[in-house]
């Protein structure tokens, strides 16, 4: 991450961010219980989230499909990150993938319902606007 931050060209930043993302293998051993480990697990996920988010943003400039793939991989590790669903839906809509945008929203609904969490009203508005705009 430090090398990516210091890199000048996007290609160099992308290479460093790809290397950083490749190091993430998921949360630290979940068989170990203890509050002391929670902070380390969260820090690892945060760092991976930052690297993958930056990588997706840079890659998206030249390869939107790959940018979406990176975000979808990140989603596997961060399934309750509503902002991530919004980023994915925006990318899908930009590519004209109306059905994929709706499916992503439906996945968000299903996952949030399973844990009795409410979707932000702005996300509902966003999917409505994106799918209406894409249909037009």
C-alpha atoms as a PDB file:
ATOM      1  CA  UNK A   1       0.000   0.000   0.000  1.00  0.00           C
ATOM      2  CA  UNK A   2       2.850   2.365   0.806  1.00  0.00           C
ATOM      3  CA  UNK A   3       4.540   1.588  -2.495  1.00  0.00           C
ATOM      4  CA  UNK A   4       1.293   2.172  -4.384  1.00  0.00           C
ATOM      5  CA  UNK A   5       0.878   5.529  -2.650  1.00  0.00           C
ATOM      6  CA  UNK A   6       4.379   6.589  -3.717  1.00  0.00           C
ATOM      7  CA  UNK A   7       4.110   5.279  -7.288  1.00  0.00           C
ATOM      8  CA  UNK A   8       3.844   7.819 -10.056  1.00  0.00           C
ATOM      9  CA  UNK A   9       2.230   6.017 -12.982  1.00  0.00           C
ATOM     10  CA  UNK A  10      -1.114   4.245 -12.729  1.00  0.00           C
ATOM     11  CA  UNK A  11       0.407   1.015 -14.051  1.00  0.00           C
ATOM     12  CA  UNK A  12       2.890   0.975 -11.187  1.00  0.00           C
ATOM     13  CA  UNK A  13       0.151   1.762  -8.637  1.00  0.00           C
ATOM     14  CA  UNK A  14      -1.976  -1.032 -10.077  1.00  0.00           C
ATOM     15  CA  UNK A  15       0.880  -3.527  -9.798  1.00  0.00           C
ATOM     16  CA  UNK A  16       1.476  -2.669  -6.140  1.00  0.00           C
ATOM     17  CA  UNK A  17      -2.226  -2.746  -5.300  1.00  0.00           C
ATOM     18  CA  UNK A  18      -2.614  -6.123  -7.024  1.00  0.00           C
ATOM     19  CA  UNK A  19       0.268  -7.439  -4.942  1.00  0.00           C
ATOM     20  CA  UNK A  20      -1.310  -6.082  -1.755  1.00  0.00           C
ATOM     21  CA  UNK A  21      -4.697  -7.642  -2.590  1.00  0.00           C
ATOM     22  CA  UNK A  22      -3.090 -10.989  -3.366  1.00  0.00           C
ATOM     23  CA  UNK A  23      -1.736 -11.104   0.177  1.00  0.00           C
ATOM     24  CA  UNK A  24      -5.212 -11.067   1.718  1.00  0.00           C
ATOM     25  CA  UNK A  25      -6.506 -14.567   2.382  1.00  0.00           C
ATOM     26  CA  UNK A  26      -9.491 -13.647   4.520  1.00  0.00           C
ATOM     27  CA  UNK A  27      -9.870 -13.008   8.223  1.00  0.00           C
ATOM     28  CA  UNK A  28      -7.278 -14.174  10.681  1.00  0.00           C
ATOM     29  CA  UNK A  29      -7.939 -17.662  12.053  1.00  0.00           C
ATOM     30  CA  UNK A  30     -11.596 -17.583  13.060  1.00  0.00           C
ATOM     31  CA  UNK A  31     -11.185 -20.630  15.296  1.00  0.00           C
ATOM     32  CA  UNK A  32      -9.315 -18.410  17.730  1.00  0.00           C
ATOM     33  CA  UNK A  33     -11.692 -16.446  19.924  1.00  0.00           C
ATOM     34  CA  UNK A  34     -10.919 -13.294  21.803  1.00  0.00           C
ATOM     35  CA  UNK A  35     -11.565  -9.597  21.741  1.00  0.00           C
ATOM     36  CA  UNK A  36      -7.851  -8.945  21.370  1.00  0.00           C
ATOM     37  CA  UNK A  37      -7.926 -10.479  17.873  1.00  0.00           C
ATOM     38  CA  UNK A  38     -10.986  -8.579  16.663  1.00  0.00           C
ATOM     39  CA  UNK A  39      -9.009  -5.366  16.161  1.00  0.00           C
ATOM     40  CA  UNK A  40      -6.418  -7.200  14.045  1.00  0.00           C
ATOM     41  CA  UNK A  41      -9.100  -8.900  11.935  1.00  0.00           C
ATOM     42  CA  UNK A  42     -10.831  -5.582  11.317  1.00  0.00           C
ATOM     43  CA  UNK A  43      -7.534  -3.878  10.451  1.00  0.00           C
ATOM     44  CA  UNK A  44      -6.675  -6.550   7.880  1.00  0.00           C
ATOM     45  CA  UNK A  45     -10.102  -6.280   6.280  1.00  0.00           C
ATOM     46  CA  UNK A  46      -9.902  -2.468   6.254  1.00  0.00           C
ATOM     47  CA  UNK A  47      -6.499  -2.550   4.569  1.00  0.00           C
ATOM     48  CA  UNK A  48      -7.707  -5.080   2.003  1.00  0.00           C
ATOM     49  CA  UNK A  49     -10.871  -3.030   1.429  1.00  0.00           C
ATOM     50  CA  UNK A  50      -8.773   0.087   0.840  1.00  0.00           C
ATOM     51  CA  UNK A  51      -6.385  -1.663  -1.552  1.00  0.00           C
ATOM     52  CA  UNK A  52      -9.130  -3.401  -3.538  1.00  0.00           C
ATOM     53  CA  UNK A  53     -11.239  -0.243  -3.699  1.00  0.00           C
ATOM     54  CA  UNK A  54      -8.318   1.805  -4.993  1.00  0.00           C
ATOM     55  CA  UNK A  55      -7.387  -0.936  -7.446  1.00  0.00           C
ATOM     56  CA  UNK A  56     -10.951  -1.136  -8.787  1.00  0.00           C
ATOM     57  CA  UNK A  57     -11.073   2.648  -9.211  1.00  0.00           C
ATOM     58  CA  UNK A  58      -7.806   2.724 -11.169  1.00  0.00           C
ATOM     59  CA  UNK A  59      -8.553  -0.342 -13.302  1.00  0.00           C
ATOM     60  CA  UNK A  60     -12.071   0.856 -14.033  1.00  0.00           C
ATOM     61  CA  UNK A  61     -10.674   3.736 -16.103  1.00  0.00           C
ATOM     62  CA  UNK A  62      -9.494   1.370 -18.827  1.00  0.00           C
ATOM     63  CA  UNK A  63     -11.278  -1.910 -18.066  1.00  0.00           C
ATOM     64  CA  UNK A  64     -14.690  -1.467 -16.391  1.00  0.00           C
ATOM     65  CA  UNK A  65     -15.397  -5.214 -16.450  1.00  0.00           C
ATOM     66  CA  UNK A  66     -12.235  -5.916 -14.497  1.00  0.00           C
ATOM     67  CA  UNK A  67     -13.063  -3.092 -12.096  1.00  0.00           C
ATOM     68  CA  UNK A  68     -16.431  -4.727 -11.405  1.00  0.00           C
ATOM     69  CA  UNK A  69     -14.777  -8.115 -10.950  1.00  0.00           C
ATOM     70  CA  UNK A  70     -12.468  -6.638  -8.306  1.00  0.00           C
ATOM     71  CA  UNK A  71     -15.423  -5.086  -6.475  1.00  0.00           C
ATOM     72  CA  UNK A  72     -17.318  -8.376  -6.607  1.00  0.00           C
ATOM     73  CA  UNK A  73     -14.323 -10.206  -5.151  1.00  0.00           C
ATOM     74  CA  UNK A  74     -14.163  -7.612  -2.391  1.00  0.00           C
ATOM     75  CA  UNK A  75     -17.862  -8.169  -1.754  1.00  0.00           C
ATOM     76  CA  UNK A  76     -17.132 -11.823  -0.927  1.00  0.00           C
ATOM     77  CA  UNK A  77     -15.104 -10.582   2.060  1.00  0.00           C
ATOM     78  CA  UNK A  78     -17.298  -7.632   3.017  1.00  0.00           C
ATOM     79  CA  UNK A  79     -20.894  -8.789   2.437  1.00  0.00           C
ATOM     80  CA  UNK A  80     -22.587  -6.134   4.588  1.00  0.00           C
ATOM     81  CA  UNK A  81     -20.848  -3.086   3.095  1.00  0.00           C
ATOM     82  CA  UNK A  82     -23.770  -1.208   1.554  1.00  0.00           C
ATOM     83  CA  UNK A  83     -21.522   1.344  -0.130  1.00  0.00           C
ATOM     84  CA  UNK A  84     -19.804  -1.477  -1.986  1.00  0.00           C
ATOM     85  CA  UNK A  85     -23.141  -2.658  -3.405  1.00  0.00           C
ATOM     86  CA  UNK A  86     -23.805   0.908  -4.561  1.00  0.00           C
ATOM     87  CA  UNK A  87     -20.423   1.069  -6.310  1.00  0.00           C
ATOM     88  CA  UNK A  88     -21.121  -2.228  -8.051  1.00  0.00           C
ATOM     89  CA  UNK A  89     -24.609  -1.140  -9.132  1.00  0.00           C
ATOM     90  CA  UNK A  90     -23.253   2.136 -10.525  1.00  0.00           C
ATOM     91  CA  UNK A  91     -20.634   0.237 -12.511  1.00  0.00           C
ATOM     92  CA  UNK A  92     -23.180  -2.225 -13.838  1.00  0.00           C
ATOM     93  CA  UNK A  93     -25.519   0.596 -14.859  1.00  0.00           C
ATOM     94  CA  UNK A  94     -22.689   2.437 -16.649  1.00  0.00           C
ATOM     95  CA  UNK A  95     -22.176  -0.730 -18.680  1.00  0.00           C
ATOM     96  CA  UNK A  96     -25.901  -0.935 -19.423  1.00  0.00           C
ATOM     97  CA  UNK A  97     -26.425  -4.080 -17.353  1.00  0.00           C
ATOM     98  CA  UNK A  98     -29.910  -3.393 -16.037  1.00  0.00           C
ATOM     99  CA  UNK A  99     -30.588  -6.971 -14.921  1.00  0.00           C
ATOM    100  CA  UNK A 100     -27.271  -7.211 -13.094  1.00  0.00           C
ATOM    101  CA  UNK A 101     -28.000  -3.944 -11.303  1.00  0.00           C
ATOM    102  CA  UNK A 102     -31.319  -5.320 -10.063  1.00  0.00           C
ATOM    103  CA  UNK A 103     -29.752  -8.646  -9.064  1.00  0.00           C
ATOM    104  CA  UNK A 104     -27.099  -6.845  -7.038  1.00  0.00           C
ATOM    105  CA  UNK A 105     -29.779  -4.873  -5.226  1.00  0.00           C
ATOM    106  CA  UNK A 106     -31.773  -8.063  -4.611  1.00  0.00           C
ATOM    107  CA  UNK A 107     -28.662  -9.702  -3.150  1.00  0.00           C
ATOM    108  CA  UNK A 108     -28.220  -6.729  -0.823  1.00  0.00           C
ATOM    109  CA  UNK A 109     -31.871  -6.988   0.250  1.00  0.00           C
ATOM    110  CA  UNK A 110     -31.576 -10.710   0.932  1.00  0.00           C
ATOM    111  CA  UNK A 111     -28.389 -10.375   2.944  1.00  0.00           C
ATOM    112  CA  UNK A 112     -29.656  -7.454   4.990  1.00  0.00           C
ATOM    113  CA  UNK A 113     -33.010  -9.153   5.680  1.00  0.00           C
ATOM    114  CA  UNK A 114     -31.147 -12.218   6.974  1.00  0.00           C
ATOM    115  CA  UNK A 115     -29.584 -10.123   9.737  1.00  0.00           C
ATOM    116  CA  UNK A 116     -32.583  -7.835  10.226  1.00  0.00           C
ATOM    117  CA  UNK A 117     -30.773  -4.785   8.876  1.00  0.00           C
ATOM    118  CA  UNK A 118     -32.410  -1.917   6.998  1.00  0.00           C
ATOM    119  CA  UNK A 119     -31.204  -0.717   3.614  1.00  0.00           C
ATOM    120  CA  UNK A 120     -30.552   3.014   3.490  1.00  0.00           C
ATOM    121  CA  UNK A 121     -33.364   4.777   1.594  1.00  0.00           C
ATOM    122  CA  UNK A 122     -30.751   6.464  -0.615  1.00  0.00           C
ATOM    123  CA  UNK A 123     -29.715   3.023  -1.901  1.00  0.00           C
ATOM    124  CA  UNK A 124     -33.308   2.242  -2.870  1.00  0.00           C
ATOM    125  CA  UNK A 125     -33.489   5.582  -4.660  1.00  0.00           C
ATOM    126  CA  UNK A 126     -30.178   4.910  -6.395  1.00  0.00           C
ATOM    127  CA  UNK A 127     -31.243   1.536  -7.808  1.00  0.00           C
ATOM    128  CA  UNK A 128     -34.507   3.067  -9.006  1.00  0.00           C
ATOM    129  CA  UNK A 129     -32.691   5.918 -10.749  1.00  0.00           C
ATOM    130  CA  UNK A 130     -30.029   3.624 -12.236  1.00  0.00           C
ATOM    131  CA  UNK A 131     -32.460   1.073 -13.608  1.00  0.00           C
ATOM    132  CA  UNK A 132     -34.829   3.746 -14.917  1.00  0.00           C
ATOM    133  CA  UNK A 133     -31.944   5.589 -16.617  1.00  0.00           C
ATOM    134  CA  UNK A 134     -30.559   2.350 -18.050  1.00  0.00           C
ATOM    135  CA  UNK A 135     -33.960   1.399 -19.426  1.00  0.00           C
ATOM    136  CA  UNK A 136     -34.287   4.752 -21.182  1.00  0.00           C
END
